[in-house]
Protein backbone atom coordinates (compact mmCIF):
# COMPACT_ATOMS: atom_id res chain seq x y z
CA MET A 1 0.00 0.00 0.00
CA LYS A 2 1.29 3.42 -0.93
CA THR A 3 1.78 6.10 1.72
CA ALA A 4 -0.35 9.24 1.84
CA GLU A 5 2.68 11.19 0.62
CA GLU A 6 3.12 8.90 -2.38
CA LEU A 7 -0.58 9.16 -3.20
CA ALA A 8 -0.45 12.95 -2.87
CA LYS A 9 2.41 12.93 -5.39
CA ILE A 10 0.30 10.87 -7.80
CA ALA A 11 -2.57 13.35 -7.43
CA VAL A 12 -0.28 16.36 -7.98
CA ASP A 13 1.25 14.73 -11.05
CA ALA A 14 -2.25 14.05 -12.45
CA LEU A 15 -3.24 17.68 -11.88
CA GLU A 16 -0.08 18.96 -13.52
CA GLU A 17 -0.51 16.63 -16.52
CA LYS A 18 -3.79 18.40 -17.27
CA LYS A 19 -2.30 21.87 -16.72
CA ALA A 20 -3.82 22.72 -13.33
CA GLU A 21 -2.86 26.18 -12.14
CA ASP A 22 -1.25 27.16 -8.84
CA VAL A 23 -1.06 23.69 -7.26
CA HIS A 24 -0.44 23.84 -3.51
CA VAL A 25 0.08 20.95 -1.12
CA ILE A 26 -0.54 21.59 2.57
CA ASP A 27 0.56 19.04 5.17
CA ILE A 28 -2.15 19.30 7.84
CA ARG A 29 -1.14 16.28 9.95
CA GLU A 30 -0.01 18.49 12.82
CA VAL A 31 -3.13 20.70 12.85
CA SER A 32 -6.06 18.43 11.98
CA THR A 33 -7.25 14.85 12.06
CA ILE A 34 -9.45 15.12 8.97
CA ALA A 35 -6.62 14.31 6.54
CA ASP A 36 -2.86 14.27 6.10
CA TYR A 37 -2.74 16.50 3.02
CA PHE A 38 -4.86 19.14 1.34
CA ILE A 39 -4.14 19.66 -2.33
CA ILE A 40 -5.49 22.90 -3.75
CA ALA A 41 -5.48 23.82 -7.43
CA ASN A 42 -7.51 25.75 -9.93
CA GLY A 43 -8.52 25.44 -13.53
CA ALA A 44 -9.39 27.95 -16.21
CA ASN A 45 -12.98 26.86 -16.89
CA LYS A 46 -15.65 24.30 -16.03
CA SER A 47 -14.48 21.77 -18.61
CA GLN A 48 -10.88 21.88 -17.44
CA ILE A 49 -11.89 21.67 -13.77
CA GLN A 50 -13.97 18.55 -14.46
CA THR A 51 -11.14 17.08 -16.55
CA LEU A 52 -8.72 17.68 -13.67
CA ALA A 53 -11.06 15.86 -11.28
CA ASP A 54 -11.56 12.97 -13.70
CA HIS A 55 -7.83 12.58 -14.26
CA VAL A 56 -7.06 12.60 -10.52
CA GLU A 57 -9.77 10.01 -9.88
CA GLU A 58 -8.38 7.79 -12.64
CA ALA A 59 -4.76 8.10 -11.46
CA LEU A 60 -5.54 7.44 -7.79
CA GLY A 61 -7.90 4.61 -8.75
CA LYS A 62 -5.08 2.94 -10.68
CA ALA A 63 -2.91 3.36 -7.57
CA GLY A 64 -5.53 1.48 -5.55
CA LEU A 65 -7.12 4.43 -3.77
CA PRO A 66 -10.86 4.68 -4.29
CA LEU A 67 -12.65 8.01 -4.07
CA LYS A 68 -14.61 8.18 -0.82
CA GLN A 69 -16.77 11.17 -1.74
CA THR A 70 -16.92 14.00 -4.24
CA GLU A 71 -18.90 17.22 -4.17
CA GLY A 72 -19.41 20.05 -6.62
CA TYR A 73 -18.64 18.17 -9.83
CA ASP A 74 -21.70 19.35 -11.75
CA THR A 75 -21.22 23.07 -11.08
CA ALA A 76 -17.40 22.76 -11.16
CA ASN A 77 -16.70 26.02 -9.36
CA TRP A 78 -15.28 24.03 -6.43
CA ILE A 79 -14.85 20.29 -6.66
CA LEU A 80 -13.96 18.60 -3.40
CA MET A 81 -12.55 15.07 -3.65
CA ASP A 82 -12.20 13.14 -0.38
CA TYR A 83 -9.71 10.28 -0.33
CA ARG A 84 -9.60 10.09 3.50
CA ASP A 85 -5.90 10.91 3.99
CA ILE A 86 -5.89 13.31 1.04
CA VAL A 87 -8.50 15.95 0.30
CA ILE A 88 -8.29 17.62 -3.09
CA HIS A 89 -9.90 20.98 -3.84
CA ILE A 90 -10.15 22.08 -7.47
CA PHE A 91 -11.49 25.59 -7.89
CA ASP A 92 -12.26 28.12 -10.54
CA LYS A 93 -10.15 31.24 -9.99
CA GLU A 94 -12.92 33.35 -8.50
CA ASN A 95 -13.95 30.80 -5.86
CA ARG A 96 -10.37 29.99 -4.95
CA LEU A 97 -9.79 33.64 -4.13
CA PHE A 98 -13.11 33.91 -2.28
CA TYR A 99 -12.70 30.83 -0.06
CA ASP A 100 -8.93 31.26 0.33
CA LEU A 101 -8.22 27.82 1.79
CA ASP A 102 -4.51 28.57 1.63
CA ARG A 103 -5.03 31.26 4.27
CA ILE A 104 -7.50 29.25 6.36
CA TRP A 105 -5.07 26.33 6.57
CA ARG A 106 -1.92 28.43 6.97
CA ASP A 107 -1.11 26.61 10.22
CA GLY A 108 -0.36 23.57 8.08
CA LYS A 109 2.99 23.18 6.36
CA LEU A 110 3.06 24.30 2.73
CA ILE A 111 5.03 21.71 0.79
CA ASN A 112 6.63 22.21 -2.56
CA PRO A 113 4.97 19.55 -4.75
CA GLU A 114 8.42 18.65 -6.12
CA GLU A 115 9.44 17.53 -2.61
CA LEU A 116 6.79 14.84 -2.33
CA GLN A 117 8.45 11.45 -2.36
CA THR A 118 7.37 8.75 -4.76
CA SER A 119 8.96 5.99 -2.70
CA ARG A 120 10.61 5.59 0.67
């Protein structure tokens, strides 16, 4: 079984493959029990945001991690994807600025996506 960090790396790679914008990874293990990582990204339009979500779901599914719950797919202004240890938020630009999860979760540790390990 892959670690949460390895799975976060798979999700980030999937987002970047489909040209997600401004991908942030926040390690929230020290500040919350709801997950280990929040991944926040945005897309340019509804179609791209849905494509990002679809690609992440496919990539994590292939890695053996089923999607627990998703919300907001139809409207695609904020898609939340819950994978238990990883929660992925894909926004349109306007809603990302409005909800500002980066600020709300600033007590977590912002991780450079390049630093996520693919194996231990």
